Amino acid sequence: MPYVQEDYLEAKRQIDSTLHKLRETIKTLEAKENPARYKSQITLAQRRIQAFELASHLIAQQICQTETQGESKCTT
């Protein structure tokens, strides 16, 4: 299924929003009285952050390619 530029932009916006929420979740869990108790949740959130950062980066590259029609002017 071909995607249009707006699809990529919205996907990136949603991923960036989720990244923000995950980072805040980690801060909250690490600030708890006994953060070791939340180790598995923190690890899961960190792994999700890595996956979403990769997805965001790849989408940014696609946005750039679409905007420049394959020229290598982007620095993502």
PDB file of N, CA and C in Angstrom:
ATOM      1  N   MET A   1       0.848  -1.181   0.000  1.00  0.00           N
ATOM      2  CA  MET A   1       0.000   0.000   0.000  1.00  0.00           C
ATOM      3  C   MET A   1       0.891   1.241   0.000  1.00  0.00           C
ATOM      4  N   PRO A   2       0.739   2.082  -0.986  1.00  0.00           N
ATOM      5  CA  PRO A   2       1.556   3.302  -1.017  1.00  0.00           C
ATOM      6  C   PRO A   2       1.065   4.320   0.021  1.00  0.00           C
ATOM      7  N   TYR A   3       2.007   4.952   0.659  1.00  0.00           N
ATOM      8  CA  TYR A   3       1.689   5.955   1.664  1.00  0.00           C
ATOM      9  C   TYR A   3       1.999   7.334   1.116  1.00  0.00           C
ATOM     10  N   VAL A   4       1.238   8.311   1.540  1.00  0.00           N
ATOM     11  CA  VAL A   4       1.491   9.693   1.141  1.00  0.00           C
ATOM     12  C   VAL A   4       2.246  10.394   2.266  1.00  0.00           C
ATOM     13  N   GLN A   5       2.780  11.549   1.957  1.00  0.00           N
ATOM     14  CA  GLN A   5       3.591  12.308   2.909  1.00  0.00           C
ATOM     15  C   GLN A   5       2.869  12.539   4.241  1.00  0.00           C
ATOM     16  N   GLU A   6       1.593  12.824   4.182  1.00  0.00           N
ATOM     17  CA  GLU A   6       0.821  13.086   5.404  1.00  0.00           C
ATOM     18  C   GLU A   6       0.772  11.848   6.302  1.00  0.00           C
ATOM     19  N   ASP A   7       0.756  10.654   5.695  1.00  0.00           N
ATOM     20  CA  ASP A   7       0.766   9.411   6.476  1.00  0.00           C
ATOM     21  C   ASP A   7       2.054   9.293   7.278  1.00  0.00           C
ATOM     22  N   TYR A   8       3.167   9.591   6.633  1.00  0.00           N
ATOM     23  CA  TYR A   8       4.468   9.528   7.319  1.00  0.00           C
ATOM     24  C   TYR A   8       4.554  10.575   8.429  1.00  0.00           C
ATOM     25  N   LEU A   9       4.088  11.778   8.130  1.00  0.00           N
ATOM     26  CA  LEU A   9       4.153  12.843   9.127  1.00  0.00           C
ATOM     27  C   LEU A   9       3.308  12.512  10.352  1.00  0.00           C
ATOM     28  N   GLU A  10       2.120  11.967  10.140  1.00  0.00           N
ATOM     29  CA  GLU A  10       1.255  11.606  11.263  1.00  0.00           C
ATOM     30  C   GLU A  10       1.833  10.433  12.053  1.00  0.00           C
ATOM     31  N   ALA A  11       2.392   9.460  11.354  1.00  0.00           N
ATOM     32  CA  ALA A  11       3.017   8.324  12.042  1.00  0.00           C
ATOM     33  C   ALA A  11       4.179   8.804  12.909  1.00  0.00           C
ATOM     34  N   LYS A  12       4.995   9.705  12.376  1.00  0.00           N
ATOM     35  CA  LYS A  12       6.126  10.238  13.143  1.00  0.00           C
ATOM     36  C   LYS A  12       5.635  11.027  14.346  1.00  0.00           C
ATOM     37  N   ARG A  13       4.583  11.801  14.175  1.00  0.00           N
ATOM     38  CA  ARG A  13       4.027  12.574  15.282  1.00  0.00           C
ATOM     39  C   ARG A  13       3.540  11.647  16.389  1.00  0.00           C
ATOM     40  N   GLN A  14       2.860  10.584  16.008  1.00  0.00           N
ATOM     41  CA  GLN A  14       2.350   9.636  16.997  1.00  0.00           C
ATOM     42  C   GLN A  14       3.482   8.903  17.710  1.00  0.00           C
ATOM     43  N   ILE A  15       4.492   8.505  16.974  1.00  0.00           N
ATOM     44  CA  ILE A  15       5.639   7.819  17.579  1.00  0.00           C
ATOM     45  C   ILE A  15       6.377   8.751  18.528  1.00  0.00           C
ATOM     46  N   ASP A  16       6.575   9.993  18.113  1.00  0.00           N
ATOM     47  CA  ASP A  16       7.265  10.954  18.987  1.00  0.00           C
ATOM     48  C   ASP A  16       6.468  11.212  20.267  1.00  0.00           C
ATOM     49  N   SER A  17       5.158  11.232  20.155  1.00  0.00           N
ATOM     50  CA  SER A  17       4.314  11.395  21.334  1.00  0.00           C
ATOM     51  C   SER A  17       4.466  10.201  22.274  1.00  0.00           C
ATOM     52  N   THR A  18       4.467   9.015  21.717  1.00  0.00           N
ATOM     53  CA  THR A  18       4.635   7.805  22.525  1.00  0.00           C
ATOM     54  C   THR A  18       6.003   7.777  23.181  1.00  0.00           C
ATOM     55  N   LEU A  19       7.030   8.210  22.452  1.00  0.00           N
ATOM     56  CA  LEU A  19       8.377   8.284  23.031  1.00  0.00           C
ATOM     57  C   LEU A  19       8.403   9.203  24.245  1.00  0.00           C
ATOM     58  N   HIS A  20       7.759  10.342  24.132  1.00  0.00           N
ATOM     59  CA  HIS A  20       7.707  11.282  25.240  1.00  0.00           C
ATOM     60  C   HIS A  20       7.046  10.627  26.460  1.00  0.00           C
ATOM     61  N   LYS A  21       5.939   9.953  26.233  1.00  0.00           N
ATOM     62  CA  LYS A  21       5.217   9.299  27.335  1.00  0.00           C
ATOM     63  C   LYS A  21       6.048   8.188  27.969  1.00  0.00           C
ATOM     64  N   LEU A  22       6.752   7.424  27.142  1.00  0.00           N
ATOM     65  CA  LEU A  22       7.603   6.359  27.686  1.00  0.00           C
ATOM     66  C   LEU A  22       8.741   6.931  28.534  1.00  0.00           C
ATOM     67  N   ARG A  23       9.337   8.009  28.062  1.00  0.00           N
ATOM     68  CA  ARG A  23      10.428   8.630  28.839  1.00  0.00           C
ATOM     69  C   ARG A  23       9.910   9.145  30.184  1.00  0.00           C
ATOM     70  N   GLU A  24       8.718   9.717  30.176  1.00  0.00           N
ATOM     71  CA  GLU A  24       8.122  10.191  31.426  1.00  0.00           C
ATOM     72  C   GLU A  24       7.785   9.016  32.348  1.00  0.00           C
ATOM     73  N   THR A  25       7.353   7.925  31.775  1.00  0.00           N
ATOM     74  CA  THR A  25       7.054   6.725  32.564  1.00  0.00           C
ATOM     75  C   THR A  25       8.310   6.224  33.264  1.00  0.00           C
ATOM     76  N   ILE A  26       9.414   6.199  32.543  1.00  0.00           N
ATOM     77  CA  ILE A  26      10.679   5.751  33.147  1.00  0.00           C
ATOM     78  C   ILE A  26      11.072   6.677  34.290  1.00  0.00           C
ATOM     79  N   LYS A  27      10.967   7.975  34.074  1.00  0.00           N
ATOM     80  CA  LYS A  27      11.295   8.925  35.147  1.00  0.00           C
ATOM     81  C   LYS A  27      10.448   8.655  36.386  1.00  0.00           C
ATOM     82  N   THR A  28       9.161   8.426  36.163  1.00  0.00           N
ATOM     83  CA  THR A  28       8.251   8.169  37.278  1.00  0.00           C
ATOM     84  C   THR A  28       8.618   6.884  38.007  1.00  0.00           C
ATOM     85  N   LEU A  29       8.867   5.828  37.271  1.00  0.00           N
ATOM     86  CA  LEU A  29       9.209   4.555  37.901  1.00  0.00           C
ATOM     87  C   LEU A  29      10.539   4.625  38.650  1.00  0.00           C
ATOM     88  N   GLU A  30      11.501   5.318  38.060  1.00  0.00           N
ATOM     89  CA  GLU A  30      12.809   5.439  38.717  1.00  0.00           C
ATOM     90  C   GLU A  30      12.747   6.317  39.960  1.00  0.00           C
ATOM     91  N   ALA A  31      11.755   7.180  40.041  1.00  0.00           N
ATOM     92  CA  ALA A  31      11.611   8.069  41.194  1.00  0.00           C
ATOM     93  C   ALA A  31      10.845   7.411  42.345  1.00  0.00           C
ATOM     94  N   LYS A  32      10.296   6.252  42.103  1.00  0.00           N
ATOM     95  CA  LYS A  32       9.545   5.556  43.152  1.00  0.00           C
ATOM     96  C   LYS A  32      10.473   5.193  44.308  1.00  0.00           C
ATOM     97  N   GLU A  33       9.865   4.903  45.445  1.00  0.00           N
ATOM     98  CA  GLU A  33      10.620   4.595  46.657  1.00  0.00           C
ATOM     99  C   GLU A  33      11.557   3.401  46.463  1.00  0.00           C
ATOM    100  N   ASN A  34      11.102   2.385  45.777  1.00  0.00           N
ATOM    101  CA  ASN A  34      11.927   1.200  45.550  1.00  0.00           C
ATOM    102  C   ASN A  34      11.949   0.889  44.050  1.00  0.00           C
ATOM    103  N   PRO A  35      12.781   1.603  43.279  1.00  0.00           N
ATOM    104  CA  PRO A  35      12.763   1.439  41.822  1.00  0.00           C
ATOM    105  C   PRO A  35      13.155   0.034  41.366  1.00  0.00           C
ATOM    106  N   ALA A  36      13.905  -0.699  42.174  1.00  0.00           N
ATOM    107  CA  ALA A  36      14.287  -2.057  41.796  1.00  0.00           C
ATOM    108  C   ALA A  36      13.056  -2.939  41.614  1.00  0.00           C
ATOM    109  N   ARG A  37      12.017  -2.627  42.341  1.00  0.00           N
ATOM    110  CA  ARG A  37      10.766  -3.367  42.229  1.00  0.00           C
ATOM    111  C   ARG A  37      10.156  -3.241  40.835  1.00  0.00           C
ATOM    112  N   TYR A  38      10.487  -2.164  40.141  1.00  0.00           N
ATOM    113  CA  TYR A  38       9.914  -1.881  38.821  1.00  0.00           C
ATOM    114  C   TYR A  38      10.915  -2.142  37.700  1.00  0.00           C
ATOM    115  N   LYS A  39      11.947  -2.924  37.990  1.00  0.00           N
ATOM    116  CA  LYS A  39      13.018  -3.145  37.025  1.00  0.00           C
ATOM    117  C   LYS A  39      12.499  -3.684  35.689  1.00  0.00           C
ATOM    118  N   SER A  40      11.594  -4.651  35.725  1.00  0.00           N
ATOM    119  CA  SER A  40      11.113  -5.225  34.464  1.00  0.00           C
ATOM    120  C   SER A  40      10.312  -4.206  33.654  1.00  0.00           C
ATOM    121  N   GLN A  41       9.513  -3.385  34.331  1.00  0.00           N
ATOM    122  CA  GLN A  41       8.747  -2.363  33.613  1.00  0.00           C
ATOM    123  C   GLN A  41       9.669  -1.302  33.018  1.00  0.00           C
ATOM    124  N   ILE A  42      10.718  -0.947  33.761  1.00  0.00           N
ATOM    125  CA  ILE A  42      11.685   0.034  33.270  1.00  0.00           C
ATOM    126  C   ILE A  42      12.422  -0.527  32.057  1.00  0.00           C
ATOM    127  N   THR A  43      12.847  -1.780  32.146  1.00  0.00           N
ATOM    128  CA  THR A  43      13.549  -2.415  31.025  1.00  0.00           C
ATOM    129  C   THR A  43      12.652  -2.482  29.799  1.00  0.00           C
ATOM    130  N   LEU A  44      11.406  -2.855  29.989  1.00  0.00           N
ATOM    131  CA  LEU A  44      10.460  -2.921  28.871  1.00  0.00           C
ATOM    132  C   LEU A  44      10.287  -1.548  28.227  1.00  0.00           C
ATOM    133  N   ALA A  45      10.125  -0.530  29.031  1.00  0.00           N
ATOM    134  CA  ALA A  45       9.974   0.828  28.500  1.00  0.00           C
ATOM    135  C   ALA A  45      11.230   1.265  27.745  1.00  0.00           C
ATOM    136  N   GLN A  46      12.404   0.932  28.264  1.00  0.00           N
ATOM    137  CA  GLN A  46      13.653   1.292  27.592  1.00  0.00           C
ATOM    138  C   GLN A  46      13.770   0.599  26.241  1.00  0.00           C
ATOM    139  N   ARG A  47      13.380  -0.664  26.188  1.00  0.00           N
ATOM    140  CA  ARG A  47      13.422  -1.400  24.912  1.00  0.00           C
ATOM    141  C   ARG A  47      12.422  -0.825  23.915  1.00  0.00           C
ATOM    142  N   ARG A  48      11.278  -0.427  24.416  1.00  0.00           N
ATOM    143  CA  ARG A  48      10.287   0.194  23.533  1.00  0.00           C
ATOM    144  C   ARG A  48      10.797   1.526  23.011  1.00  0.00           C
ATOM    145  N   ILE A  49      11.467   2.278  23.847  1.00  0.00           N
ATOM    146  CA  ILE A  49      12.045   3.552  23.417  1.00  0.00           C
ATOM    147  C   ILE A  49      13.033   3.312  22.277  1.00  0.00           C
ATOM    148  N   GLN A  50      13.900   2.316  22.428  1.00  0.00           N
ATOM    149  CA  GLN A  50      14.863   2.021  21.367  1.00  0.00           C
ATOM    150  C   GLN A  50      14.150   1.673  20.059  1.00  0.00           C
ATOM    151  N   ALA A  51      13.110   0.857  20.140  1.00  0.00           N
ATOM    152  CA  ALA A  51      12.375   0.462  18.938  1.00  0.00           C
ATOM    153  C   ALA A  51      11.673   1.656  18.299  1.00  0.00           C
ATOM    154  N   PHE A  52      11.038   2.490  19.118  1.00  0.00           N
ATOM    155  CA  PHE A  52      10.337   3.654  18.582  1.00  0.00           C
ATOM    156  C   PHE A  52      11.313   4.701  18.037  1.00  0.00           C
ATOM    157  N   GLU A  53      12.486   4.837  18.644  1.00  0.00           N
ATOM    158  CA  GLU A  53      13.485   5.761  18.110  1.00  0.00           C
ATOM    159  C   GLU A  53      13.936   5.310  16.726  1.00  0.00           C
ATOM    160  N   LEU A  54      14.135   4.002  16.561  1.00  0.00           N
ATOM    161  CA  LEU A  54      14.510   3.461  15.261  1.00  0.00           C
ATOM    162  C   LEU A  54      13.405   3.733  14.241  1.00  0.00           C
ATOM    163  N   ALA A  55      12.173   3.448  14.620  1.00  0.00           N
ATOM    164  CA  ALA A  55      11.042   3.682  13.719  1.00  0.00           C
ATOM    165  C   ALA A  55      10.942   5.155  13.345  1.00  0.00           C
ATOM    166  N   SER A  56      11.098   6.028  14.319  1.00  0.00           N
ATOM    167  CA  SER A  56      11.029   7.463  14.067  1.00  0.00           C
ATOM    168  C   SER A  56      12.123   7.901  13.096  1.00  0.00           C
ATOM    169  N   HIS A  57      13.309   7.372  13.290  1.00  0.00           N
ATOM    170  CA  HIS A  57      14.436   7.709  12.414  1.00  0.00           C
ATOM    171  C   HIS A  57      14.160   7.242  10.976  1.00  0.00           C
ATOM    172  N   LEU A  58      13.675   6.017  10.841  1.00  0.00           N
ATOM    173  CA  LEU A  58      13.386   5.494   9.501  1.00  0.00           C
ATOM    174  C   LEU A  58      12.272   6.279   8.815  1.00  0.00           C
ATOM    175  N   ILE A  59      11.266   6.656   9.561  1.00  0.00           N
ATOM    176  CA  ILE A  59      10.184   7.461   8.999  1.00  0.00           C
ATOM    177  C   ILE A  59      10.712   8.832   8.589  1.00  0.00           C
ATOM    178  N   ALA A  60      11.577   9.426   9.416  1.00  0.00           N
ATOM    179  CA  ALA A  60      12.169  10.725   9.071  1.00  0.00           C
ATOM    180  C   ALA A  60      12.961  10.625   7.772  1.00  0.00           C
ATOM    181  N   GLN A  61      13.683   9.532   7.596  1.00  0.00           N
ATOM    182  CA  GLN A  61      14.422   9.332   6.341  1.00  0.00           C
ATOM    183  C   GLN A  61      13.456   9.250   5.161  1.00  0.00           C
ATOM    184  N   GLN A  62      12.359   8.534   5.340  1.00  0.00           N
ATOM    185  CA  GLN A  62      11.376   8.398   4.270  1.00  0.00           C
ATOM    186  C   GLN A  62      10.737   9.745   3.948  1.00  0.00           C
ATOM    187  N   ILE A  63      10.440  10.519   4.980  1.00  0.00           N
ATOM    188  CA  ILE A  63       9.887  11.864   4.765  1.00  0.00           C
ATOM    189  C   ILE A  63      10.861  12.701   3.948  1.00  0.00           C
ATOM    190  N   CYS A  64      12.116  12.639   4.323  1.00  0.00           N
ATOM    191  CA  CYS A  64      13.142  13.409   3.627  1.00  0.00           C
ATOM    192  C   CYS A  64      13.265  12.962   2.174  1.00  0.00           C
ATOM    193  N   GLN A  65      13.289  11.659   1.963  1.00  0.00           N
ATOM    194  CA  GLN A  65      13.390  11.136   0.601  1.00  0.00           C
ATOM    195  C   GLN A  65      12.199  11.575  -0.244  1.00  0.00           C
ATOM    196  N   THR A  66      11.035  11.524   0.335  1.00  0.00           N
ATOM    197  CA  THR A  66       9.829  11.911  -0.392  1.00  0.00           C
ATOM    198  C   THR A  66       9.871  13.397  -0.737  1.00  0.00           C
ATOM    199  N   GLU A  67      10.341  14.216   0.221  1.00  0.00           N
ATOM    200  CA  GLU A  67      10.406  15.652  -0.018  1.00  0.00           C
ATOM    201  C   GLU A  67      11.443  16.020  -1.066  1.00  0.00           C
ATOM    202  N   THR A  68      12.571  15.328  -1.065  1.00  0.00           N
ATOM    203  CA  THR A  68      13.654  15.671  -2.006  1.00  0.00           C
ATOM    204  C   THR A  68      13.660  14.746  -3.215  1.00  0.00           C
ATOM    205  N   GLN A  69      12.695  13.829  -3.275  1.00  0.00           N
ATOM    206  CA  GLN A  69      12.564  12.869  -4.371  1.00  0.00           C
ATOM    207  C   GLN A  69      13.861  12.109  -4.608  1.00  0.00           C
ATOM    208  N   GLY A  70      14.421  11.580  -3.510  1.00  0.00           N
ATOM    209  CA  GLY A  70      15.594  10.715  -3.609  1.00  0.00           C
ATOM    210  C   GLY A  70      16.928  11.417  -3.553  1.00  0.00           C
ATOM    211  N   GLU A  71      16.948  12.738  -3.604  1.00  0.00           N
ATOM    212  CA  GLU A  71      18.224  13.448  -3.502  1.00  0.00           C
ATOM    213  C   GLU A  71      18.731  13.307  -2.079  1.00  0.00           C
ATOM    214  N   SER A  72      20.037  13.325  -1.889  1.00  0.00           N
ATOM    215  CA  SER A  72      20.587  13.132  -0.548  1.00  0.00           C
ATOM    216  C   SER A  72      20.908  14.486   0.091  1.00  0.00           C
ATOM    217  N   LYS A  73      19.864  15.267   0.378  1.00  0.00           N
ATOM    218  CA  LYS A  73      20.021  16.567   1.017  1.00  0.00           C
ATOM    219  C   LYS A  73      19.708  16.493   2.503  1.00  0.00           C
ATOM    220  N   CYS A  74      19.165  15.380   2.957  1.00  0.00           N
ATOM    221  CA  CYS A  74      18.740  15.268   4.355  1.00  0.00           C
ATOM    222  C   CYS A  74      19.898  14.794   5.220  1.00  0.00           C
ATOM    223  N   THR A  75      19.820  15.181   6.474  1.00  0.00           N
ATOM    224  CA  THR A  75      20.860  14.798   7.436  1.00  0.00           C
ATOM    225  C   THR A  75      20.266  14.013   8.594  1.00  0.00           C
ATOM    226  N   THR A  76      19.237  13.206   8.339  1.00  0.00           N
ATOM    227  CA  THR A  76      18.614  12.422   9.409  1.00  0.00           C
ATOM    228  C   THR A  76      19.406  11.186   9.717  1.00  0.00           C
TER     229      THR A  76
END
